[in-house]
Each structure stands twice: as structure tokens, then as C-alpha cells.
C-alpha atoms as a PDB file:
ATOM      1  CA  MET A   1     -51.912 -31.694  40.481  1.00  0.00           C
ATOM      2  CA  THR A   2     -53.467 -32.979  37.272  1.00  0.00           C
ATOM      3  CA  GLU A   3     -51.721 -32.710  33.919  1.00  0.00           C
ATOM      4  CA  CYS A   4     -54.441 -30.297  32.727  1.00  0.00           C
ATOM      5  CA  ARG A   5     -53.783 -27.905  35.660  1.00  0.00           C
ATOM      6  CA  ILE A   6     -50.024 -28.032  35.070  1.00  0.00           C
ATOM      7  CA  ARG A   7     -50.506 -27.145  31.404  1.00  0.00           C
ATOM      8  CA  ARG A   8     -52.881 -24.282  32.355  1.00  0.00           C
ATOM      9  CA  ARG A   9     -50.401 -22.800  34.855  1.00  0.00           C
ATOM     10  CA  THR A  10     -47.582 -23.073  32.324  1.00  0.00           C
ATOM     11  CA  LEU A  11     -49.600 -21.212  29.709  1.00  0.00           C
ATOM     12  CA  LEU A  12     -50.585 -18.506  32.203  1.00  0.00           C
ATOM     13  CA  ALA A  13     -46.950 -18.033  33.244  1.00  0.00           C
ATOM     14  CA  ALA A  14     -45.839 -17.773  29.616  1.00  0.00           C
ATOM     15  CA  GLY A  15     -48.580 -15.259  28.901  1.00  0.00           C
ATOM     16  CA  ALA A  16     -47.604 -13.142  31.886  1.00  0.00           C
ATOM     17  CA  ALA A  17     -43.972 -13.151  30.775  1.00  0.00           C
ATOM     18  CA  ALA A  18     -44.965 -12.055  27.277  1.00  0.00           C
ATOM     19  CA  ILE A  19     -47.106  -9.217  28.657  1.00  0.00           C
ATOM     20  CA  ALA A  20     -44.250  -8.065  30.887  1.00  0.00           C
ATOM     21  CA  ALA A  21     -41.826  -8.123  27.970  1.00  0.00           C
ATOM     22  CA  ALA A  22     -44.223  -6.125  25.827  1.00  0.00           C
ATOM     23  CA  ALA A  23     -44.610  -3.568  28.592  1.00  0.00           C
ATOM     24  CA  ARG A  24     -40.857  -2.937  28.735  1.00  0.00           C
ATOM     25  CA  PRO A  25     -39.707  -0.093  26.439  1.00  0.00           C
ATOM     26  CA  VAL A  26     -38.093  -1.273  23.220  1.00  0.00           C
ATOM     27  CA  ARG A  27     -34.422  -0.332  23.094  1.00  0.00           C
ATOM     28  CA  ALA A  28     -33.719   1.886  20.111  1.00  0.00           C
ATOM     29  CA  GLU A  29     -30.861   1.067  17.764  1.00  0.00           C
ATOM     30  CA  GLU A  30     -27.717   3.080  18.351  1.00  0.00           C
ATOM     31  CA  PRO A  31     -27.580   6.111  16.077  1.00  0.00           C
ATOM     32  CA  PHE A  32     -24.793   6.108  13.510  1.00  0.00           C
ATOM     33  CA  PRO A  33     -22.023   6.950  14.108  1.00  0.00           C
ATOM     34  CA  SER A  34     -21.794   5.851  17.724  1.00  0.00           C
ATOM     35  CA  ARG A  35     -17.996   5.964  17.963  1.00  0.00           C
ATOM     36  CA  PRO A  36     -14.982   7.249  15.957  1.00  0.00           C
ATOM     37  CA  ILE A  37     -14.845   6.271  12.293  1.00  0.00           C
ATOM     38  CA  LYS A  38     -11.690   4.714  10.919  1.00  0.00           C
ATOM     39  CA  ILE A  39     -10.691   5.288   7.288  1.00  0.00           C
ATOM     40  CA  LEU A  40      -8.016   2.881   6.092  1.00  0.00           C
ATOM     41  CA  VAL A  41      -5.612   4.288   3.495  1.00  0.00           C
ATOM     42  CA  GLY A  42      -3.616   1.844   1.403  1.00  0.00           C
ATOM     43  CA  ALA A  43      -0.596   4.119   1.071  1.00  0.00           C
ATOM     44  CA  GLY A  44       1.939   5.812   3.303  1.00  0.00           C
ATOM     45  CA  ALA A  45       1.494   9.220   4.896  1.00  0.00           C
ATOM     46  CA  GLY A  46       2.208  12.259   2.731  1.00  0.00           C
ATOM     47  CA  GLY A  47       1.191  10.893  -0.660  1.00  0.00           C
ATOM     48  CA  THR A  48      -1.849  11.854  -2.721  1.00  0.00           C
ATOM     49  CA  THR A  49      -4.034   9.050  -1.392  1.00  0.00           C
ATOM     50  CA  ASP A  50      -3.277  10.089   2.170  1.00  0.00           C
ATOM     51  CA  ILE A  51      -3.685  13.835   1.559  1.00  0.00           C
ATOM     52  CA  THR A  52      -7.108  13.556  -0.090  1.00  0.00           C
ATOM     53  CA  ALA A  53      -8.388  11.143   2.561  1.00  0.00           C
ATOM     54  CA  ARG A  54      -7.354  13.464   5.380  1.00  0.00           C
ATOM     55  CA  LEU A  55      -8.856  16.591   3.810  1.00  0.00           C
ATOM     56  CA  VAL A  56     -12.242  14.979   3.189  1.00  0.00           C
ATOM     57  CA  GLY A  57     -12.273  12.711   6.249  1.00  0.00           C
ATOM     58  CA  GLU A  58     -11.571  15.466   8.769  1.00  0.00           C
ATOM     59  CA  LYS A  59     -14.513  17.545   7.533  1.00  0.00           C
ATOM     60  CA  MET A  60     -16.806  14.503   7.424  1.00  0.00           C
ATOM     61  CA  GLY A  61     -15.961  13.794  11.054  1.00  0.00           C
ATOM     62  CA  LYS A  62     -17.004  17.287  12.105  1.00  0.00           C
ATOM     63  CA  LEU A  63     -20.271  16.943  10.206  1.00  0.00           C
ATOM     64  CA  LEU A  64     -21.014  13.501  11.656  1.00  0.00           C
ATOM     65  CA  GLY A  65     -20.086  14.460  15.207  1.00  0.00           C
ATOM     66  CA  GLN A  66     -17.406  11.790  15.608  1.00  0.00           C
ATOM     67  CA  PRO A  67     -13.659  11.903  14.946  1.00  0.00           C
ATOM     68  CA  VAL A  68     -12.435  10.348  11.709  1.00  0.00           C
ATOM     69  CA  VAL A  69      -9.131   8.542  12.210  1.00  0.00           C
ATOM     70  CA  ILE A  70      -6.887   7.934   9.195  1.00  0.00           C
ATOM     71  CA  ASP A  71      -5.090   4.587   9.467  1.00  0.00           C
ATOM     72  CA  ASN A  72      -2.325   4.104   6.872  1.00  0.00           C
ATOM     73  CA  LYS A  73      -1.997   0.497   5.700  1.00  0.00           C
ATOM     74  CA  PRO A  74       0.452   0.552   2.778  1.00  0.00           C
ATOM     75  CA  GLY A  75       1.405  -2.566   0.875  1.00  0.00           C
ATOM     76  CA  ALA A  76       0.387  -4.773  -2.069  1.00  0.00           C
ATOM     77  CA  SER A  77      -0.740  -1.778  -4.163  1.00  0.00           C
ATOM     78  CA  GLY A  78      -3.397  -0.900  -1.587  1.00  0.00           C
ATOM     79  CA  THR A  79      -5.145  -4.280  -1.481  1.00  0.00           C
ATOM     80  CA  VAL A  80      -4.180  -4.868   2.169  1.00  0.00           C
ATOM     81  CA  SER A  81      -6.369  -1.959   3.309  1.00  0.00           C
ATOM     82  CA  VAL A  82      -9.378  -3.164   1.314  1.00  0.00           C
ATOM     83  CA  ALA A  83      -9.043  -6.755   2.547  1.00  0.00           C
ATOM     84  CA  GLN A  84      -8.928  -5.489   6.135  1.00  0.00           C
ATOM     85  CA  THR A  85     -12.085  -3.426   5.599  1.00  0.00           C
ATOM     86  CA  VAL A  86     -13.913  -6.473   4.253  1.00  0.00           C
ATOM     87  CA  ARG A  87     -13.133  -8.328   7.493  1.00  0.00           C
ATOM     88  CA  ALA A  88     -14.350  -5.437   9.686  1.00  0.00           C
ATOM     89  CA  PRO A  89     -17.910  -5.257  11.071  1.00  0.00           C
ATOM     90  CA  ALA A  90     -20.298  -3.995   8.392  1.00  0.00           C
ATOM     91  CA  ASP A  91     -21.549  -1.066  10.475  1.00  0.00           C
ATOM     92  CA  GLY A  92     -19.915   1.883   8.683  1.00  0.00           C
ATOM     93  CA  HIS A  93     -17.333   2.587  11.377  1.00  0.00           C
ATOM     94  CA  THR A  94     -14.503   1.120   9.278  1.00  0.00           C
ATOM     95  CA  LEU A  95     -14.160   2.447   5.730  1.00  0.00           C
ATOM     96  CA  VAL A  96     -11.426   2.446   3.116  1.00  0.00           C
ATOM     97  CA  TRP A  97     -10.234   5.263   0.859  1.00  0.00           C
ATOM     98  CA  VAL A  98      -9.825   3.764  -2.609  1.00  0.00           C
ATOM     99  CA  GLY A  99      -8.548   4.722  -6.036  1.00  0.00           C
ATOM    100  CA  ASN A 100      -8.113   3.248  -9.498  1.00  0.00           C
ATOM    101  CA  SER A 101      -5.575   0.632  -8.483  1.00  0.00           C
ATOM    102  CA  VAL A 102      -7.561  -1.333  -5.908  1.00  0.00           C
ATOM    103  CA  MET A 103     -10.968  -0.894  -7.587  1.00  0.00           C
ATOM    104  CA  ALA A 104     -10.219  -1.166 -11.311  1.00  0.00           C
ATOM    105  CA  ILE A 105      -6.842  -2.931 -11.675  1.00  0.00           C
ATOM    106  CA  SER A 106      -6.037  -5.326  -8.835  1.00  0.00           C
ATOM    107  CA  PRO A 107      -9.328  -7.264  -9.218  1.00  0.00           C
ATOM    108  CA  TYR A 108      -8.171  -8.224 -12.735  1.00  0.00           C
ATOM    109  CA  LEU A 109      -4.506  -8.738 -11.845  1.00  0.00           C
ATOM    110  CA  TYR A 110      -4.887 -11.139  -8.957  1.00  0.00           C
ATOM    111  CA  LYS A 111      -6.969 -14.275  -8.712  1.00  0.00           C
ATOM    112  CA  ASN A 112      -7.473 -13.573  -5.014  1.00  0.00           C
ATOM    113  CA  PRO A 113      -6.701  -9.953  -4.030  1.00  0.00           C
ATOM    114  CA  GLY A 114      -8.412 -10.520  -0.683  1.00  0.00           C
ATOM    115  CA  TYR A 115     -11.779  -9.056  -1.671  1.00  0.00           C
ATOM    116  CA  ASP A 116     -14.487  -9.178  -4.336  1.00  0.00           C
ATOM    117  CA  VAL A 117     -14.857  -5.710  -5.821  1.00  0.00           C
ATOM    118  CA  LYS A 118     -18.455  -6.505  -6.812  1.00  0.00           C
ATOM    119  CA  THR A 119     -19.495  -6.957  -3.180  1.00  0.00           C
ATOM    120  CA  LEU A 120     -17.852  -3.811  -1.799  1.00  0.00           C
ATOM    121  CA  ILE A 121     -20.339  -1.077  -0.944  1.00  0.00           C
ATOM    122  CA  PRO A 122     -19.525   2.251  -2.647  1.00  0.00           C
ATOM    123  CA  VAL A 123     -20.152   5.358  -0.554  1.00  0.00           C
ATOM    124  CA  GLY A 124     -19.226   7.891  -3.223  1.00  0.00           C
ATOM    125  CA  GLN A 125     -16.520   9.399  -5.389  1.00  0.00           C
ATOM    126  CA  ALA A 126     -14.706  12.373  -3.868  1.00  0.00           C
ATOM    127  CA  THR A 127     -12.049  13.627  -6.287  1.00  0.00           C
ATOM    128  CA  THR A 128     -10.593  13.312  -9.748  1.00  0.00           C
ATOM    129  CA  SER A 129      -7.272  14.394 -11.222  1.00  0.00           C
ATOM    130  CA  GLY A 130      -4.755  13.465 -13.837  1.00  0.00           C
ATOM    131  CA  PHE A 131      -1.454  11.681 -13.348  1.00  0.00           C
ATOM    132  CA  ILE A 132       1.811  13.471 -13.978  1.00  0.00           C
ATOM    133  CA  LEU A 133       5.000  12.193 -15.582  1.00  0.00           C
ATOM    134  CA  VAL A 134       8.051  13.650 -13.842  1.00  0.00           C
ATOM    135  CA  ALA A 135      11.789  13.199 -14.293  1.00  0.00           C
ATOM    136  CA  SER A 136      14.908  14.061 -12.349  1.00  0.00           C
ATOM    137  CA  PRO A 137      16.318  17.423 -13.518  1.00  0.00           C
ATOM    138  CA  THR A 138      19.729  15.781 -13.725  1.00  0.00           C
ATOM    139  CA  LEU A 139      18.480  13.609 -16.581  1.00  0.00           C
ATOM    140  CA  GLY A 140      18.360  16.679 -18.839  1.00  0.00           C
ATOM    141  CA  VAL A 141      15.047  15.982 -20.600  1.00  0.00           C
ATOM    142  CA  ASP A 142      12.170  18.458 -20.943  1.00  0.00           C
ATOM    143  CA  ASN A 143       9.375  16.427 -22.544  1.00  0.00           C
ATOM    144  CA  VAL A 144       8.208  12.908 -23.418  1.00  0.00           C
ATOM    145  CA  LYS A 145       9.983  12.891 -26.789  1.00  0.00           C
ATOM    146  CA  GLU A 146      13.317  13.636 -25.135  1.00  0.00           C
ATOM    147  CA  LEU A 147      12.747  10.997 -22.429  1.00  0.00           C
ATOM    148  CA  VAL A 148      12.040   8.374 -25.085  1.00  0.00           C
ATOM    149  CA  ALA A 149      15.097   9.448 -27.091  1.00  0.00           C
ATOM    150  CA  TYR A 150      17.285   9.192 -23.996  1.00  0.00           C
ATOM    151  CA  GLY A 151      15.949   5.719 -23.233  1.00  0.00           C
ATOM    152  CA  LYS A 152      16.696   4.512 -26.742  1.00  0.00           C
ATOM    153  CA  ALA A 153      20.184   6.056 -26.757  1.00  0.00           C
ATOM    154  CA  HIS A 154      21.102   4.718 -23.288  1.00  0.00           C
ATOM    155  CA  PRO A 155      19.749   1.151 -23.026  1.00  0.00           C
ATOM    156  CA  GLY A 156      19.783  -0.220 -19.504  1.00  0.00           C
ATOM    157  CA  GLN A 157      20.434   3.150 -17.882  1.00  0.00           C
ATOM    158  CA  LEU A 158      16.883   4.280 -17.124  1.00  0.00           C
ATOM    159  CA  SER A 159      14.821   3.215 -14.114  1.00  0.00           C
ATOM    160  CA  PHE A 160      11.399   4.313 -12.939  1.00  0.00           C
ATOM    161  CA  GLY A 161       9.414   3.969  -9.726  1.00  0.00           C
ATOM    162  CA  SER A 162       5.817   3.181  -8.847  1.00  0.00           C
ATOM    163  CA  ASN A 163       3.573   2.461  -5.865  1.00  0.00           C
ATOM    164  CA  GLY A 164       3.683  -1.300  -6.439  1.00  0.00           C
ATOM    165  CA  VAL A 165       4.006  -4.039  -9.029  1.00  0.00           C
ATOM    166  CA  ASN A 166       1.173  -3.896 -11.590  1.00  0.00           C
ATOM    167  CA  GLY A 167      -0.440  -0.884  -9.937  1.00  0.00           C
ATOM    168  CA  SER A 168      -1.815   1.952 -12.063  1.00  0.00           C
ATOM    169  CA  LEU A 169       1.463   3.906 -11.981  1.00  0.00           C
ATOM    170  CA  HIS A 170       3.509   0.860 -12.972  1.00  0.00           C
ATOM    171  CA  LEU A 171       1.148   0.025 -15.834  1.00  0.00           C
ATOM    172  CA  LEU A 172       1.228   3.590 -17.174  1.00  0.00           C
ATOM    173  CA  ALA A 173       5.015   3.450 -17.457  1.00  0.00           C
ATOM    174  CA  GLU A 174       4.867   0.003 -19.044  1.00  0.00           C
ATOM    175  CA  LEU A 175       2.340   1.313 -21.549  1.00  0.00           C
ATOM    176  CA  LEU A 176       4.625   4.241 -22.424  1.00  0.00           C
ATOM    177  CA  LYS A 177       7.578   1.870 -22.848  1.00  0.00           C
ATOM    178  CA  SER A 178       5.505  -0.338 -25.126  1.00  0.00           C
ATOM    179  CA  GLU A 179       4.111   2.468 -27.271  1.00  0.00           C
ATOM    180  CA  ALA A 180       7.410   4.370 -27.539  1.00  0.00           C
ATOM    181  CA  GLY A 181       9.700   1.351 -27.866  1.00  0.00           C
ATOM    182  CA  PHE A 182      12.327   1.866 -25.154  1.00  0.00           C
ATOM    183  CA  GLU A 183      13.437  -0.037 -22.066  1.00  0.00           C
ATOM    184  CA  ALA A 184      13.600   1.000 -18.406  1.00  0.00           C
ATOM    185  CA  LEU A 185      13.879  -0.918 -15.135  1.00  0.00           C
ATOM    186  CA  HIS A 186      10.892  -0.895 -12.779  1.00  0.00           C
ATOM    187  CA  VAL A 187      11.574  -0.252  -9.070  1.00  0.00           C
ATOM    188  CA  PRO A 188       8.418  -0.643  -6.904  1.00  0.00           C
ATOM    189  CA  TYR A 189       7.862   1.260  -3.636  1.00  0.00           C
ATOM    190  CA  LYS A 190       5.193   1.179  -0.921  1.00  0.00           C
ATOM    191  CA  GLY A 191       3.750   4.588  -1.744  1.00  0.00           C
ATOM    192  CA  GLY A 192       4.147   8.021  -3.305  1.00  0.00           C
ATOM    193  CA  ALA A 193       6.281   9.414  -0.494  1.00  0.00           C
ATOM    194  CA  GLU A 194       8.867   6.642  -0.869  1.00  0.00           C
ATOM    195  CA  SER A 195       9.041   6.894  -4.661  1.00  0.00           C
ATOM    196  CA  ALA A 196       9.404  10.697  -4.395  1.00  0.00           C
ATOM    197  CA  SER A 197      12.345  10.244  -2.027  1.00  0.00           C
ATOM    198  CA  ALA A 198      13.881   7.785  -4.486  1.00  0.00           C
ATOM    199  CA  ILE A 199      13.732  10.105  -7.484  1.00  0.00           C
ATOM    200  CA  LEU A 200      14.937  13.077  -5.429  1.00  0.00           C
ATOM    201  CA  GLY A 201      17.812  10.957  -4.204  1.00  0.00           C
ATOM    202  CA  GLY A 202      18.814   9.908  -7.706  1.00  0.00           C
ATOM    203  CA  ASN A 203      17.878   6.237  -7.298  1.00  0.00           C
ATOM    204  CA  ILE A 204      15.377   6.370 -10.195  1.00  0.00           C
ATOM    205  CA  GLN A 205      15.089   8.737 -13.162  1.00  0.00           C
ATOM    206  CA  PHE A 206      11.359   9.097 -13.855  1.00  0.00           C
ATOM    207  CA  LEU A 207       7.910   8.040 -12.728  1.00  0.00           C
ATOM    208  CA  PHE A 208       4.191   8.528 -13.173  1.00  0.00           C
ATOM    209  CA  ASP A 209       2.447   9.788 -10.048  1.00  0.00           C
ATOM    210  CA  ALA A 210      -0.617  11.696  -8.907  1.00  0.00           C
ATOM    211  CA  LEU A 211      -0.453  15.471  -9.159  1.00  0.00           C
ATOM    212  CA  SER A 212      -0.873  16.598  -5.564  1.00  0.00           C
ATOM    213  CA  SER A 213       2.408  15.507  -4.022  1.00  0.00           C
ATOM    214  CA  ASN A 214       4.416  16.540  -7.091  1.00  0.00           C
ATOM    215  CA  ILE A 215       3.196  20.093  -7.705  1.00  0.00           C
ATOM    216  CA  PRO A 216       5.420  21.629  -4.981  1.00  0.00           C
ATOM    217  CA  LEU A 217       8.416  19.617  -6.212  1.00  0.00           C
ATOM    218  CA  VAL A 218       7.875  20.765  -9.794  1.00  0.00           C
ATOM    219  CA  ARG A 219       7.393  24.405  -8.800  1.00  0.00           C
ATOM    220  CA  SER A 220      10.556  24.351  -6.696  1.00  0.00           C
ATOM    221  CA  GLY A 221      12.556  22.870  -9.567  1.00  0.00           C
ATOM    222  CA  LYS A 222      13.336  19.646  -7.710  1.00  0.00           C
ATOM    223  CA  LEU A 223      11.489  17.643 -10.385  1.00  0.00           C
ATOM    224  CA  LYS A 224      10.841  18.255 -14.086  1.00  0.00           C
ATOM    225  CA  ALA A 225       7.253  17.817 -15.255  1.00  0.00           C
ATOM    226  CA  LEU A 226       7.158  16.181 -18.690  1.00  0.00           C
ATOM    227  CA  ALA A 227       3.419  15.605 -19.177  1.00  0.00           C
ATOM    228  CA  VAL A 228       0.027  15.211 -17.540  1.00  0.00           C
ATOM    229  CA  THR A 229      -2.369  12.400 -18.446  1.00  0.00           C
ATOM    230  CA  GLY A 230      -5.721  14.173 -18.174  1.00  0.00           C
ATOM    231  CA  PRO A 231      -7.834  15.159 -21.182  1.00  0.00           C
ATOM    232  CA  GLN A 232      -6.686  18.768 -20.784  1.00  0.00           C
ATOM    233  CA  ARG A 233      -3.876  20.678 -19.082  1.00  0.00           C
ATOM    234  CA  GLU A 234      -4.060  21.062 -15.318  1.00  0.00           C
ATOM    235  CA  LYS A 235      -5.005  24.425 -13.770  1.00  0.00           C
ATOM    236  CA  GLU A 236      -2.137  24.219 -11.303  1.00  0.00           C
ATOM    237  CA  LEU A 237       0.455  23.491 -14.020  1.00  0.00           C
ATOM    238  CA  PRO A 238      -0.907  25.069 -17.222  1.00  0.00           C
ATOM    239  CA  GLU A 239       2.515  25.089 -18.899  1.00  0.00           C
ATOM    240  CA  VAL A 240       2.790  21.266 -18.825  1.00  0.00           C
ATOM    241  CA  PRO A 241       1.368  19.607 -21.988  1.00  0.00           C
ATOM    242  CA  THR A 242      -0.811  16.495 -21.943  1.00  0.00           C
ATOM    243  CA  MET A 243       0.302  13.073 -23.143  1.00  0.00           C
ATOM    244  CA  ALA A 244      -2.155  13.430 -26.032  1.00  0.00           C
ATOM    245  CA  GLU A 245      -0.566  16.726 -27.096  1.00  0.00           C
ATOM    246  CA  GLN A 246       2.778  14.920 -27.284  1.00  0.00           C
ATOM    247  CA  GLY A 247       1.544  12.106 -29.485  1.00  0.00           C
ATOM    248  CA  TYR A 248       0.167   9.581 -26.987  1.00  0.00           C
ATOM    249  CA  PRO A 249      -3.646   9.956 -26.933  1.00  0.00           C
ATOM    250  CA  GLY A 250      -4.085   6.356 -25.779  1.00  0.00           C
ATOM    251  CA  MET A 251      -2.522   7.284 -22.450  1.00  0.00           C
ATOM    252  CA  THR A 252      -5.208   9.771 -21.467  1.00  0.00           C
ATOM    253  CA  THR A 253      -6.422   8.674 -18.048  1.00  0.00           C
ATOM    254  CA  GLU A 254      -7.472  10.181 -14.718  1.00  0.00           C
ATOM    255  CA  VAL A 255      -7.191   9.320 -11.040  1.00  0.00           C
ATOM    256  CA  PHE A 256     -10.279   8.919  -8.888  1.00  0.00           C
ATOM    257  CA  PHE A 257     -10.563   8.626  -5.129  1.00  0.00           C
ATOM    258  CA  GLY A 258     -13.559   7.757  -3.017  1.00  0.00           C
ATOM    259  CA  LEU A 259     -14.926   5.867  -0.031  1.00  0.00           C
ATOM    260  CA  VAL A 260     -15.998   2.234   0.160  1.00  0.00           C
ATOM    261  CA  ALA A 261     -17.628   0.281   2.995  1.00  0.00           C
ATOM    262  CA  ALA A 262     -17.637  -3.409   3.889  1.00  0.00           C
ATOM    263  CA  PRO A 263     -20.119  -5.771   2.194  1.00  0.00           C
ATOM    264  CA  GLY A 264     -23.451  -5.756   4.010  1.00  0.00           C
ATOM    265  CA  THR A 265     -23.220  -2.210   5.368  1.00  0.00           C
ATOM    266  CA  PRO A 266     -26.818  -0.936   5.855  1.00  0.00           C
ATOM    267  CA  HIS A 267     -28.128   1.374   3.153  1.00  0.00           C
ATOM    268  CA  ALA A 268     -29.142   4.035   5.702  1.00  0.00           C
ATOM    269  CA  VAL A 269     -25.572   4.169   7.024  1.00  0.00           C
ATOM    270  CA  VAL A 270     -24.140   4.412   3.506  1.00  0.00           C
ATOM    271  CA  MET A 271     -26.470   7.279   2.643  1.00  0.00           C
ATOM    272  CA  LYS A 272     -25.598   9.151   5.844  1.00  0.00           C
ATOM    273  CA  LEU A 273     -21.901   8.830   4.967  1.00  0.00           C
ATOM    274  CA  ASN A 274     -22.610   9.909   1.402  1.00  0.00           C
ATOM    275  CA  GLU A 275     -24.522  12.975   2.628  1.00  0.00           C
ATOM    276  CA  ALA A 276     -21.613  13.963   4.881  1.00  0.00           C
ATOM    277  CA  MET A 277     -19.152  13.498   2.014  1.00  0.00           C
ATOM    278  CA  GLY A 278     -21.261  15.729  -0.236  1.00  0.00           C
ATOM    279  CA  LYS A 279     -21.362  18.492   2.383  1.00  0.00           C
ATOM    280  CA  ALA A 280     -17.624  18.150   3.017  1.00  0.00           C
ATOM    281  CA  LEU A 281     -16.838  18.506  -0.697  1.00  0.00           C
ATOM    282  CA  ALA A 282     -19.116  21.541  -0.936  1.00  0.00           C
ATOM    283  CA  ASP A 283     -17.165  23.325   1.797  1.00  0.00           C
ATOM    284  CA  PRO A 284     -15.112  26.146   0.201  1.00  0.00           C
ATOM    285  CA  ALA A 285     -12.063  25.505   2.396  1.00  0.00           C
ATOM    286  CA  VAL A 286     -12.011  21.790   1.529  1.00  0.00           C
ATOM    287  CA  ARG A 287     -12.497  22.488  -2.156  1.00  0.00           C
ATOM    288  CA  GLU A 288      -9.709  25.055  -2.215  1.00  0.00           C
ATOM    289  CA  ALA A 289      -7.308  22.731  -0.390  1.00  0.00           C
ATOM    290  CA  LEU A 290      -8.048  19.860  -2.760  1.00  0.00           C
ATOM    291  CA  GLN A 291      -7.655  22.036  -5.850  1.00  0.00           C
ATOM    292  CA  ARG A 292      -4.444  23.508  -4.507  1.00  0.00           C
ATOM    293  CA  SER A 293      -3.110  19.961  -4.209  1.00  0.00           C
ATOM    294  CA  GLY A 294      -4.057  19.179  -7.813  1.00  0.00           C
ATOM    295  CA  ASN A 295      -7.289  17.275  -7.085  1.00  0.00           C
ATOM    296  CA  GLU A 296     -10.663  18.390  -8.390  1.00  0.00           C
ATOM    297  CA  PRO A 297     -13.621  17.748  -6.050  1.00  0.00           C
ATOM    298  CA  LYS A 298     -16.102  15.438  -7.776  1.00  0.00           C
ATOM    299  CA  PHE A 299     -18.944  14.185  -5.591  1.00  0.00           C
ATOM    300  CA  SER A 300     -21.124  11.299  -6.712  1.00  0.00           C
ATOM    301  CA  THR A 301     -23.869   9.032  -5.475  1.00  0.00           C
ATOM    302  CA  PRO A 302     -23.026   5.427  -4.550  1.00  0.00           C
ATOM    303  CA  GLN A 303     -24.645   4.296  -7.804  1.00  0.00           C
ATOM    304  CA  GLN A 304     -22.558   6.704  -9.894  1.00  0.00           C
ATOM    305  CA  PHE A 305     -19.383   5.578  -8.135  1.00  0.00           C
ATOM    306  CA  ARG A 306     -20.256   1.947  -8.876  1.00  0.00           C
ATOM    307  CA  ALA A 307     -20.760   2.795 -12.566  1.00  0.00           C
ATOM    308  CA  LEU A 308     -17.354   4.548 -12.690  1.00  0.00           C
ATOM    309  CA  VAL A 309     -15.605   1.578 -11.064  1.00  0.00           C
ATOM    310  CA  ASP A 310     -17.227  -0.844 -13.510  1.00  0.00           C
ATOM    311  CA  LYS A 311     -16.287   1.338 -16.495  1.00  0.00           C
ATOM    312  CA  GLU A 312     -12.645   1.768 -15.437  1.00  0.00           C
ATOM    313  CA  GLY A 313     -12.405  -1.898 -14.529  1.00  0.00           C
ATOM    314  CA  ALA A 314     -13.508  -2.936 -18.008  1.00  0.00           C
ATOM    315  CA  ARG A 315     -10.991  -0.533 -19.533  1.00  0.00           C
ATOM    316  CA  PHE A 316      -8.027  -1.810 -17.554  1.00  0.00           C
ATOM    317  CA  ALA A 317      -9.106  -5.432 -18.032  1.00  0.00           C
ATOM    318  CA  ALA A 318      -8.928  -4.860 -21.792  1.00  0.00           C
ATOM    319  CA  LEU A 319      -5.484  -3.211 -21.401  1.00  0.00           C
ATOM    320  CA  LEU A 320      -4.150  -6.122 -19.360  1.00  0.00           C
ATOM    321  CA  GLN A 321      -5.502  -8.596 -21.871  1.00  0.00           C
ATOM    322  CA  ALA A 322      -3.891  -6.679 -24.755  1.00  0.00           C
ATOM    323  CA  LYS A 323      -0.578  -6.717 -22.862  1.00  0.00           C
ATOM    324  CA  GLY A 324      -0.905 -10.442 -22.249  1.00  0.00           C
ATOM    325  CA  ILE A 325      -0.857 -10.013 -18.455  1.00  0.00           C
ATOM    326  CA  GLN A 326      -2.595 -12.960 -16.778  1.00  0.00           C
ATOM    327  CA  PRO A 327      -4.034 -12.913 -13.248  1.00  0.00           C
ATOM    328  CA  GLU A 328      -1.553 -14.237 -10.703  1.00  0.00           C
END
């Protein structure tokens, strides 16, 4: 067989294979979601981060037609959960529920928190609320002025808790100490549930925390609410004055929670998740449950969530710089 015939037969065979391949039906991409969605939560069960994630995530799962599984990954002020999401496949089936600490503080506190906040893909903001400053009733103080006076009169006798070293709750207490001029020992915990147990057990005397997990404790008299940090009083605790009302306007700040996906997650997947989040937050039962827990539903687009993260990040970066706190 001549070389020319061999070449001709090879080309004919290749052409036949191409025609056969073209005739086969093209396999469509799997619709999203194709399996259960996992939402990582960087705090223990029972705290505000966990409660808000479960309320919104459960409804999103029903809307998307796949279960949403909440996976608690406490530790390192929530950065562990974000770092794990970054390493997951960028297909939208692994998400992380985030707040101020991991999005606007940790990126400026640590040289390598395990992720680059600029590359994370925002899905949307879900809630907003103020922080609350609470104290043990046995301390005998009713407001911020009395807490400060006690701290000054009893040096070395006050301790406070937080959800981790240099997290948002720790920094709020440090800011109060700095502005008011008193000392207190910081005792870090893995999450809101642990710090609540500590103050109820008398191991610490005060702390800043999110509203949701503390409202029942305040109403039952187990904790004393001294102030809230939002720009106005909270609907669920209208008798509790703001920090600004008590002479500390620089401590006005709010908590935000939302969903973030791994870098590279397709835009169509992000928008489908965002649409489901919007419908979940519009559901009357979800809204009522969130508000009852002290969280106000606040839905946003991915772009709006990115703008909020950038704004809060710049704010806390300036605070850390003013405090002389260098990235570790």
C-alpha cells in the first residue's frame, strides 16, 4: 500500500470518527444544585452566627430543591471555615456563612488568614443587627457608666469574654477600655454559646455579643443589658440605651451576616443562590424568626455585599492602625 493511500485512509477514518462524534447528543451540564449544599459556619451551635445561618439556609434548601446542611467549624475567629471553603470545589455546593470578623477584621489582623478576602465570591448579605453589651447581674451595674466606674475602683477584678482573640467582640471591648480608661482581662472562647456559659457561670463579668442569643437571657434576668451598639435602640429591647446615648458615639457599629462562595464559582450559580436567598428573606416566617432573634433581614446583591465588606474593612483597618495593632 502506497504512502498516499495510507494517508487517504487515515483521513477518511478521522473524518468518520468526527461525524460519529457530532451525531452523538451533547451531554448537558448538570443543573445546579445537583446534590446537597453545605454551609460552613465558623462558630459553635446555638450562637447568633449559627442561628441566622440555619434560619436562612433551611428555607434556601427548600427553594433550591436540595437539602442545606449546616456544618459548624468553630475556631480562629471563624477563619477556619472560610479557609476550608476556599479549598472546596468552586461549584456552589460548599458555601460559608460570614460576618464582620472574617470579612472585615481578620484580613487586616493576620498576614495569612488562609484566604484572600478580595477573591472570595459574595453571594449576598442576609441580616444586620447591633451588638449588645451585657454583664452578670451579680456585678451590680446597670449601665456603661457604672461598669466603667467599677472597673476603675476594682483594678484587676474584671474579666470579659469574646469569640476569639482580635475578633470583632474582643476589639469592641478593647475599644471601650481604651476610651473609658479602665482595665479588664480578656478571656477568649470558641463561640457565643461558650462565652454565654462562662458569664452565666461567673467565670467572666461582661462581654459584647450579638443580640440574638442574649435577648432571652436578658428578658429572663440571667444577664443585665447595659447598651446596644446600633445607631438606634433595638425593637426587641427598647429600654436598653445605645452606646452613643451613654457618651460613646465612636462605638456605634452593626453586625452583618451573609453568604460567600469559593473563588471561581460561576456567576450563574452565584445568581441562583442569590435569588434563593432573596426569596428566603422575603418569607414572612423567616423574617419573623430573624427579627424575634434580634436580627433584621437585609437582602443585597453580590455587588452591594462586596461594597459593604470593603467599607467595613477600611473602617476596621483604620481602627487597628490607630490602636497600633500590627498583622501577625
